[in-house]
Amino acid sequence: MPKISPDLLSVLRCPVTGSTLVQEGEELVSTAAGQSGEKLRYAIEDGIPLLLPPELVSAANAAPSDQHDGGPGAVAGTAASGASSAE
């Protein structure tokens, strides 16, 4: 089980409640409850906290791979084209 560094944990916040997070096993758990009354849990994969709100996790997993970063029309490509048109 990868341990998230205390320095990183000190700056991470729950994207839903804004509360601090604590590590419990292979998850980060919010210290404040969400609207459901339960504390929110976020997976840690390969040492990287996945801080997607619960309602977006299934959508992210279902999206075709070309809709993720690096695919056609990715944000990085849009930013580069916007920068060149500003010159």
PDB file of N, CA and C in Angstrom:
ATOM      1  N   MET A   1       0.841  -1.182   0.000  1.00  0.00           N
ATOM      2  CA  MET A   1       0.000   0.000   0.000  1.00  0.00           C
ATOM      3  C   MET A   1       0.880   1.237   0.000  1.00  0.00           C
ATOM      4  N   PRO A   2       0.773   2.074  -1.036  1.00  0.00           N
ATOM      5  CA  PRO A   2       1.556   3.308  -1.051  1.00  0.00           C
ATOM      6  C   PRO A   2       1.003   4.309  -0.040  1.00  0.00           C
ATOM      7  N   LYS A   3       1.896   4.919   0.677  1.00  0.00           N
ATOM      8  CA  LYS A   3       1.514   5.914   1.677  1.00  0.00           C
ATOM      9  C   LYS A   3       1.674   7.304   1.063  1.00  0.00           C
ATOM     10  N   ILE A   4       0.620   8.090   1.123  1.00  0.00           N
ATOM     11  CA  ILE A   4       0.671   9.467   0.632  1.00  0.00           C
ATOM     12  C   ILE A   4       1.466  10.289   1.643  1.00  0.00           C
ATOM     13  N   SER A   5       2.377  11.118   1.147  1.00  0.00           N
ATOM     14  CA  SER A   5       3.228  11.894   2.049  1.00  0.00           C
ATOM     15  C   SER A   5       2.396  12.889   2.865  1.00  0.00           C
ATOM     16  N   PRO A   6       2.793  13.122   4.098  1.00  0.00           N
ATOM     17  CA  PRO A   6       2.090  14.104   4.934  1.00  0.00           C
ATOM     18  C   PRO A   6       2.066  15.494   4.290  1.00  0.00           C
ATOM     19  N   ASP A   7       3.139  15.867   3.581  1.00  0.00           N
ATOM     20  CA  ASP A   7       3.166  17.180   2.919  1.00  0.00           C
ATOM     21  C   ASP A   7       2.072  17.285   1.859  1.00  0.00           C
ATOM     22  N   LEU A   8       1.892  16.220   1.080  1.00  0.00           N
ATOM     23  CA  LEU A   8       0.844  16.224   0.058  1.00  0.00           C
ATOM     24  C   LEU A   8      -0.534  16.223   0.710  1.00  0.00           C
ATOM     25  N   LEU A   9      -0.722  15.393   1.716  1.00  0.00           N
ATOM     26  CA  LEU A   9      -2.015  15.354   2.407  1.00  0.00           C
ATOM     27  C   LEU A   9      -2.384  16.710   3.009  1.00  0.00           C
ATOM     28  N   SER A  10      -1.393  17.482   3.409  1.00  0.00           N
ATOM     29  CA  SER A  10      -1.683  18.782   4.033  1.00  0.00           C
ATOM     30  C   SER A  10      -2.273  19.790   3.059  1.00  0.00           C
ATOM     31  N   VAL A  11      -2.084  19.568   1.757  1.00  0.00           N
ATOM     32  CA  VAL A  11      -2.634  20.516   0.772  1.00  0.00           C
ATOM     33  C   VAL A  11      -3.828  19.960   0.002  1.00  0.00           C
ATOM     34  N   LEU A  12      -4.017  18.644   0.019  1.00  0.00           N
ATOM     35  CA  LEU A  12      -5.152  18.058  -0.692  1.00  0.00           C
ATOM     36  C   LEU A  12      -6.447  18.332   0.055  1.00  0.00           C
ATOM     37  N   ARG A  13      -7.525  18.539  -0.714  1.00  0.00           N
ATOM     38  CA  ARG A  13      -8.851  18.759  -0.144  1.00  0.00           C
ATOM     39  C   ARG A  13      -9.872  17.932  -0.916  1.00  0.00           C
ATOM     40  N   CYS A  14     -10.932  17.577  -0.243  1.00  0.00           N
ATOM     41  CA  CYS A  14     -12.037  16.871  -0.883  1.00  0.00           C
ATOM     42  C   CYS A  14     -12.661  17.820  -1.904  1.00  0.00           C
ATOM     43  N   PRO A  15     -12.835  17.383  -3.159  1.00  0.00           N
ATOM     44  CA  PRO A  15     -13.400  18.278  -4.173  1.00  0.00           C
ATOM     45  C   PRO A  15     -14.879  18.578  -3.962  1.00  0.00           C
ATOM     46  N   VAL A  16     -15.554  17.823  -3.119  1.00  0.00           N
ATOM     47  CA  VAL A  16     -16.981  18.040  -2.880  1.00  0.00           C
ATOM     48  C   VAL A  16     -17.203  18.897  -1.644  1.00  0.00           C
ATOM     49  N   THR A  17     -16.573  18.536  -0.521  1.00  0.00           N
ATOM     50  CA  THR A  17     -16.819  19.240   0.742  1.00  0.00           C
ATOM     51  C   THR A  17     -15.774  20.299   1.061  1.00  0.00           C
ATOM     52  N   GLY A  18     -14.607  20.208   0.442  1.00  0.00           N
ATOM     53  CA  GLY A  18     -13.522  21.133   0.749  1.00  0.00           C
ATOM     54  C   GLY A  18     -12.772  20.771   2.026  1.00  0.00           C
ATOM     55  N   SER A  19     -13.139  19.649   2.641  1.00  0.00           N
ATOM     56  CA  SER A  19     -12.502  19.243   3.895  1.00  0.00           C
ATOM     57  C   SER A  19     -11.156  18.571   3.632  1.00  0.00           C
ATOM     58  N   THR A  20     -10.370  18.460   4.687  1.00  0.00           N
ATOM     59  CA  THR A  20      -9.101  17.754   4.577  1.00  0.00           C
ATOM     60  C   THR A  20      -9.369  16.268   4.347  1.00  0.00           C
ATOM     61  N   LEU A  21      -8.324  15.562   3.920  1.00  0.00           N
ATOM     62  CA  LEU A  21      -8.422  14.138   3.637  1.00  0.00           C
ATOM     63  C   LEU A  21      -7.457  13.371   4.522  1.00  0.00           C
ATOM     64  N   VAL A  22      -7.838  12.166   4.910  1.00  0.00           N
ATOM     65  CA  VAL A  22      -6.964  11.280   5.657  1.00  0.00           C
ATOM     66  C   VAL A  22      -6.871   9.965   4.894  1.00  0.00           C
ATOM     67  N   GLN A  23      -5.724   9.311   5.001  1.00  0.00           N
ATOM     68  CA  GLN A  23      -5.550   8.045   4.304  1.00  0.00           C
ATOM     69  C   GLN A  23      -6.025   6.907   5.183  1.00  0.00           C
ATOM     70  N   GLU A  24      -6.873   6.053   4.601  1.00  0.00           N
ATOM     71  CA  GLU A  24      -7.329   4.816   5.242  1.00  0.00           C
ATOM     72  C   GLU A  24      -7.094   3.702   4.243  1.00  0.00           C
ATOM     73  N   GLY A  25      -6.045   2.942   4.458  1.00  0.00           N
ATOM     74  CA  GLY A  25      -5.711   1.869   3.524  1.00  0.00           C
ATOM     75  C   GLY A  25      -5.320   2.439   2.174  1.00  0.00           C
ATOM     76  N   GLU A  26      -6.015   1.991   1.133  1.00  0.00           N
ATOM     77  CA  GLU A  26      -5.719   2.460  -0.222  1.00  0.00           C
ATOM     78  C   GLU A  26      -6.740   3.488  -0.698  1.00  0.00           C
ATOM     79  N   GLU A  27      -7.269   4.270   0.251  1.00  0.00           N
ATOM     80  CA  GLU A  27      -8.228   5.318  -0.070  1.00  0.00           C
ATOM     81  C   GLU A  27      -7.914   6.571   0.741  1.00  0.00           C
ATOM     82  N   LEU A  28      -8.349   7.700   0.207  1.00  0.00           N
ATOM     83  CA  LEU A  28      -8.367   8.938   0.974  1.00  0.00           C
ATOM     84  C   LEU A  28      -9.817   9.183   1.357  1.00  0.00           C
ATOM     85  N   VAL A  29     -10.040   9.613   2.585  1.00  0.00           N
ATOM     86  CA  VAL A  29     -11.391   9.790   3.100  1.00  0.00           C
ATOM     87  C   VAL A  29     -11.539  11.227   3.580  1.00  0.00           C
ATOM     88  N   SER A  30     -12.662  11.863   3.191  1.00  0.00           N
ATOM     89  CA  SER A  30     -12.908  13.241   3.628  1.00  0.00           C
ATOM     90  C   SER A  30     -13.175  13.256   5.130  1.00  0.00           C
ATOM     91  N   THR A  31     -12.810  14.351   5.765  1.00  0.00           N
ATOM     92  CA  THR A  31     -13.043  14.462   7.205  1.00  0.00           C
ATOM     93  C   THR A  31     -14.422  15.044   7.500  1.00  0.00           C
ATOM     94  N   ALA A  32     -15.128  15.506   6.475  1.00  0.00           N
ATOM     95  CA  ALA A  32     -16.493  16.008   6.631  1.00  0.00           C
ATOM     96  C   ALA A  32     -17.416  15.190   5.736  1.00  0.00           C
ATOM     97  N   ALA A  33     -18.639  15.020   6.177  1.00  0.00           N
ATOM     98  CA  ALA A  33     -19.604  14.244   5.403  1.00  0.00           C
ATOM     99  C   ALA A  33     -20.136  15.062   4.228  1.00  0.00           C
ATOM    100  N   GLY A  34     -20.479  14.363   3.163  1.00  0.00           N
ATOM    101  CA  GLY A  34     -21.096  14.989   2.000  1.00  0.00           C
ATOM    102  C   GLY A  34     -22.591  15.128   2.215  1.00  0.00           C
ATOM    103  N   GLN A  35     -23.324  15.456   1.150  1.00  0.00           N
ATOM    104  CA  GLN A  35     -24.773  15.647   1.258  1.00  0.00           C
ATOM    105  C   GLN A  35     -25.501  14.375   1.679  1.00  0.00           C
ATOM    106  N   SER A  36     -24.929  13.212   1.357  1.00  0.00           N
ATOM    107  CA  SER A  36     -25.557  11.938   1.717  1.00  0.00           C
ATOM    108  C   SER A  36     -25.406  11.632   3.208  1.00  0.00           C
ATOM    109  N   GLY A  37     -24.585  12.405   3.889  1.00  0.00           N
ATOM    110  CA  GLY A  37     -24.336  12.168   5.305  1.00  0.00           C
ATOM    111  C   GLY A  37     -23.152  11.247   5.562  1.00  0.00           C
ATOM    112  N   GLU A  38     -22.555  10.725   4.474  1.00  0.00           N
ATOM    113  CA  GLU A  38     -21.409   9.835   4.610  1.00  0.00           C
ATOM    114  C   GLU A  38     -20.135  10.548   4.173  1.00  0.00           C
ATOM    115  N   LYS A  39     -19.028  10.126   4.744  1.00  0.00           N
ATOM    116  CA  LYS A  39     -17.740  10.671   4.320  1.00  0.00           C
ATOM    117  C   LYS A  39     -17.393  10.114   2.943  1.00  0.00           C
ATOM    118  N   LEU A  40     -16.837  10.955   2.095  1.00  0.00           N
ATOM    119  CA  LEU A  40     -16.513  10.562   0.728  1.00  0.00           C
ATOM    120  C   LEU A  40     -15.168   9.865   0.684  1.00  0.00           C
ATOM    121  N   ARG A  41     -15.051   8.862  -0.194  1.00  0.00           N
ATOM    122  CA  ARG A  41     -13.836   8.053  -0.324  1.00  0.00           C
ATOM    123  C   ARG A  41     -13.300   8.174  -1.739  1.00  0.00           C
ATOM    124  N   TYR A  42     -11.974   8.291  -1.829  1.00  0.00           N
ATOM    125  CA  TYR A  42     -11.300   8.426  -3.118  1.00  0.00           C
ATOM    126  C   TYR A  42     -10.185   7.394  -3.208  1.00  0.00           C
ATOM    127  N   ALA A  43     -10.176   6.651  -4.305  1.00  0.00           N
ATOM    128  CA  ALA A  43      -9.171   5.602  -4.506  1.00  0.00           C
ATOM    129  C   ALA A  43      -7.793   6.207  -4.743  1.00  0.00           C
ATOM    130  N   ILE A  44      -6.779   5.425  -4.427  1.00  0.00           N
ATOM    131  CA  ILE A  44      -5.389   5.764  -4.748  1.00  0.00           C
ATOM    132  C   ILE A  44      -4.910   4.674  -5.696  1.00  0.00           C
ATOM    133  N   GLU A  45      -4.563   5.059  -6.921  1.00  0.00           N
ATOM    134  CA  GLU A  45      -4.082   4.089  -7.912  1.00  0.00           C
ATOM    135  C   GLU A  45      -2.653   4.430  -8.293  1.00  0.00           C
ATOM    136  N   ASP A  46      -1.764   3.467  -8.142  1.00  0.00           N
ATOM    137  CA  ASP A  46      -0.340   3.649  -8.445  1.00  0.00           C
ATOM    138  C   ASP A  46       0.239   4.857  -7.714  1.00  0.00           C
ATOM    139  N   GLY A  47      -0.211   5.072  -6.479  1.00  0.00           N
ATOM    140  CA  GLY A  47       0.296   6.172  -5.665  1.00  0.00           C
ATOM    141  C   GLY A  47      -0.307   7.526  -5.986  1.00  0.00           C
ATOM    142  N   ILE A  48      -1.317   7.559  -6.889  1.00  0.00           N
ATOM    143  CA  ILE A  48      -1.937   8.824  -7.303  1.00  0.00           C
ATOM    144  C   ILE A  48      -3.372   8.874  -6.796  1.00  0.00           C
ATOM    145  N   PRO A  49      -3.724   9.875  -5.978  1.00  0.00           N
ATOM    146  CA  PRO A  49      -5.109  10.001  -5.518  1.00  0.00           C
ATOM    147  C   PRO A  49      -6.015  10.397  -6.688  1.00  0.00           C
ATOM    148  N   LEU A  50      -7.128   9.690  -6.832  1.00  0.00           N
ATOM    149  CA  LEU A  50      -8.105   9.998  -7.877  1.00  0.00           C
ATOM    150  C   LEU A  50      -9.235  10.802  -7.243  1.00  0.00           C
ATOM    151  N   LEU A  51      -9.126  12.110  -7.328  1.00  0.00           N
ATOM    152  CA  LEU A  51     -10.051  12.991  -6.625  1.00  0.00           C
ATOM    153  C   LEU A  51     -11.215  13.431  -7.507  1.00  0.00           C
ATOM    154  N   LEU A  52     -11.883  12.466  -8.119  1.00  0.00           N
ATOM    155  CA  LEU A  52     -13.090  12.758  -8.885  1.00  0.00           C
ATOM    156  C   LEU A  52     -14.297  12.634  -7.966  1.00  0.00           C
ATOM    157  N   PRO A  53     -15.241  13.593  -8.036  1.00  0.00           N
ATOM    158  CA  PRO A  53     -16.466  13.429  -7.263  1.00  0.00           C
ATOM    159  C   PRO A  53     -17.162  12.126  -7.675  1.00  0.00           C
ATOM    160  N   PRO A  54     -17.841  11.461  -6.752  1.00  0.00           N
ATOM    161  CA  PRO A  54     -18.424  10.149  -7.029  1.00  0.00           C
ATOM    162  C   PRO A  54     -19.297  10.101  -8.284  1.00  0.00           C
ATOM    163  N   GLU A  55     -20.048  11.152  -8.558  1.00  0.00           N
ATOM    164  CA  GLU A  55     -20.937  11.132  -9.722  1.00  0.00           C
ATOM    165  C   GLU A  55     -20.182  11.178 -11.044  1.00  0.00           C
ATOM    166  N   LEU A  56     -18.901  11.557 -11.019  1.00  0.00           N
ATOM    167  CA  LEU A  56     -18.113  11.616 -12.249  1.00  0.00           C
ATOM    168  C   LEU A  56     -17.252  10.381 -12.484  1.00  0.00           C
ATOM    169  N   VAL A  57     -17.085   9.539 -11.475  1.00  0.00           N
ATOM    170  CA  VAL A  57     -16.234   8.360 -11.625  1.00  0.00           C
ATOM    171  C   VAL A  57     -16.768   7.425 -12.704  1.00  0.00           C
ATOM    172  N   SER A  58     -18.062   7.112 -12.658  1.00  0.00           N
ATOM    173  CA  SER A  58     -18.618   6.195 -13.654  1.00  0.00           C
ATOM    174  C   SER A  58     -18.572   6.810 -15.045  1.00  0.00           C
ATOM    175  N   ALA A  59     -18.788   8.111 -15.163  1.00  0.00           N
ATOM    176  CA  ALA A  59     -18.725   8.778 -16.464  1.00  0.00           C
ATOM    177  C   ALA A  59     -17.305   8.741 -17.018  1.00  0.00           C
ATOM    178  N   ALA A  60     -16.321   8.943 -16.167  1.00  0.00           N
ATOM    179  CA  ALA A  60     -14.925   8.913 -16.612  1.00  0.00           C
ATOM    180  C   ALA A  60     -14.529   7.517 -17.063  1.00  0.00           C
ATOM    181  N   ASN A  61     -14.994   6.501 -16.365  1.00  0.00           N
ATOM    182  CA  ASN A  61     -14.671   5.127 -16.739  1.00  0.00           C
ATOM    183  C   ASN A  61     -15.378   4.704 -18.020  1.00  0.00           C
ATOM    184  N   ALA A  62     -16.548   5.267 -18.294  1.00  0.00           N
ATOM    185  CA  ALA A  62     -17.327   4.890 -19.472  1.00  0.00           C
ATOM    186  C   ALA A  62     -16.917   5.659 -20.727  1.00  0.00           C
ATOM    187  N   ALA A  63     -16.216   6.781 -20.570  1.00  0.00           N
ATOM    188  CA  ALA A  63     -15.846   7.619 -21.717  1.00  0.00           C
ATOM    189  C   ALA A  63     -14.867   6.896 -22.622  1.00  0.00           C
ATOM    190  N   PRO A  64     -15.079   6.998 -23.950  1.00  0.00           N
ATOM    191  CA  PRO A  64     -14.096   6.410 -24.877  1.00  0.00           C
ATOM    192  C   PRO A  64     -12.721   7.027 -24.639  1.00  0.00           C
ATOM    193  N   SER A  65     -11.674   6.272 -24.936  1.00  0.00           N
ATOM    194  CA  SER A  65     -10.323   6.733 -24.644  1.00  0.00           C
ATOM    195  C   SER A  65      -9.968   8.015 -25.376  1.00  0.00           C
ATOM    196  N   ASP A  66     -10.588   8.313 -26.514  1.00  0.00           N
ATOM    197  CA  ASP A  66     -10.259   9.552 -27.223  1.00  0.00           C
ATOM    198  C   ASP A  66     -10.863  10.783 -26.543  1.00  0.00           C
ATOM    199  N   GLN A  67     -11.671  10.581 -25.505  1.00  0.00           N
ATOM    200  CA  GLN A  67     -12.224  11.719 -24.765  1.00  0.00           C
ATOM    201  C   GLN A  67     -11.409  12.056 -23.526  1.00  0.00           C
ATOM    202  N   HIS A  68     -10.359  11.294 -23.274  1.00  0.00           N
ATOM    203  CA  HIS A  68      -9.466  11.578 -22.146  1.00  0.00           C
ATOM    204  C   HIS A  68      -8.326  12.469 -22.634  1.00  0.00           C
ATOM    205  N   ASP A  69      -7.554  13.019 -21.712  1.00  0.00           N
ATOM    206  CA  ASP A  69      -6.411  13.867 -22.068  1.00  0.00           C
ATOM    207  C   ASP A  69      -5.543  13.197 -23.115  1.00  0.00           C
ATOM    208  N   GLY A  70      -5.083  13.968 -24.070  1.00  0.00           N
ATOM    209  CA  GLY A  70      -4.184  13.456 -25.085  1.00  0.00           C
ATOM    210  C   GLY A  70      -4.896  13.034 -26.350  1.00  0.00           C
ATOM    211  N   GLY A  71      -6.218  12.925 -26.305  1.00  0.00           N
ATOM    212  CA  GLY A  71      -6.979  12.541 -27.491  1.00  0.00           C
ATOM    213  C   GLY A  71      -7.206  13.739 -28.396  1.00  0.00           C
ATOM    214  N   PRO A  72      -7.874  13.533 -29.541  1.00  0.00           N
ATOM    215  CA  PRO A  72      -8.170  14.647 -30.448  1.00  0.00           C
ATOM    216  C   PRO A  72      -8.956  15.732 -29.711  1.00  0.00           C
ATOM    217  N   GLY A  73      -8.582  16.964 -29.896  1.00  0.00           N
ATOM    218  CA  GLY A  73      -9.255  18.090 -29.266  1.00  0.00           C
ATOM    219  C   GLY A  73      -8.948  18.255 -27.799  1.00  0.00           C
ATOM    220  N   ALA A  74      -7.850  17.691 -27.336  1.00  0.00           N
ATOM    221  CA  ALA A  74      -7.483  17.800 -25.929  1.00  0.00           C
ATOM    222  C   ALA A  74      -7.241  19.255 -25.572  1.00  0.00           C
ATOM    223  N   VAL A  75      -7.378  19.572 -24.318  1.00  0.00           N
ATOM    224  CA  VAL A  75      -7.232  20.932 -23.831  1.00  0.00           C
ATOM    225  C   VAL A  75      -5.878  21.526 -24.208  1.00  0.00           C
ATOM    226  N   ALA A  76      -4.823  20.730 -24.138  1.00  0.00           N
ATOM    227  CA  ALA A  76      -3.487  21.232 -24.455  1.00  0.00           C
ATOM    228  C   ALA A  76      -3.440  21.732 -25.889  1.00  0.00           C
ATOM    229  N   GLY A  77      -4.073  21.019 -26.813  1.00  0.00           N
ATOM    230  CA  GLY A  77      -4.097  21.450 -28.208  1.00  0.00           C
ATOM    231  C   GLY A  77      -4.894  22.726 -28.383  1.00  0.00           C
ATOM    232  N   THR A  78      -5.980  22.850 -27.648  1.00  0.00           N
ATOM    233  CA  THR A  78      -6.804  24.046 -27.723  1.00  0.00           C
ATOM    234  C   THR A  78      -6.043  25.256 -27.191  1.00  0.00           C
ATOM    235  N   ALA A  79      -5.340  25.076 -26.093  1.00  0.00           N
ATOM    236  CA  ALA A  79      -4.580  26.183 -25.502  1.00  0.00           C
ATOM    237  C   ALA A  79      -3.481  26.645 -26.454  1.00  0.00           C
ATOM    238  N   ALA A  80      -2.830  25.705 -27.114  1.00  0.00           N
ATOM    239  CA  ALA A  80      -1.756  26.069 -28.034  1.00  0.00           C
ATOM    240  C   ALA A  80      -2.308  26.856 -29.216  1.00  0.00           C
ATOM    241  N   SER A  81      -3.454  26.438 -29.748  1.00  0.00           N
ATOM    242  CA  SER A  81      -4.012  27.156 -30.899  1.00  0.00           C
ATOM    243  C   SER A  81      -4.515  28.527 -30.466  1.00  0.00           C
ATOM    244  N   GLY A  82      -5.029  28.630 -29.213  1.00  0.00           N
ATOM    245  CA  GLY A  82      -5.487  29.932 -28.720  1.00  0.00           C
ATOM    246  C   GLY A  82      -4.321  30.888 -28.528  1.00  0.00           C
ATOM    247  N   ALA A  83      -3.181  30.376 -28.098  1.00  0.00           N
ATOM    248  CA  ALA A  83      -2.009  31.225 -27.859  1.00  0.00           C
ATOM    249  C   ALA A  83      -1.488  31.767 -29.178  1.00  0.00           C
ATOM    250  N   SER A  84      -1.490  30.954 -30.228  1.00  0.00           N
ATOM    251  CA  SER A  84      -0.949  31.419 -31.494  1.00  0.00           C
ATOM    252  C   SER A  84      -1.859  32.450 -32.151  1.00  0.00           C
ATOM    253  N   SER A  85      -3.176  32.358 -31.915  1.00  0.00           N
ATOM    254  CA  SER A  85      -4.075  33.336 -32.520  1.00  0.00           C
ATOM    255  C   SER A  85      -4.027  34.671 -31.791  1.00  0.00           C
ATOM    256  N   ALA A  86      -3.513  34.690 -30.555  1.00  0.00           N
ATOM    257  CA  ALA A  86      -3.423  35.921 -29.787  1.00  0.00           C
ATOM    258  C   ALA A  86      -2.228  36.762 -30.199  1.00  0.00           C
ATOM    259  N   GLU A  87      -1.299  36.184 -30.952  1.00  0.00           N
ATOM    260  CA  GLU A  87      -0.092  36.919 -31.316  1.00  0.00           C
ATOM    261  C   GLU A  87      -0.334  37.849 -32.461  1.00  0.00           C
TER     262      GLU A  87
END
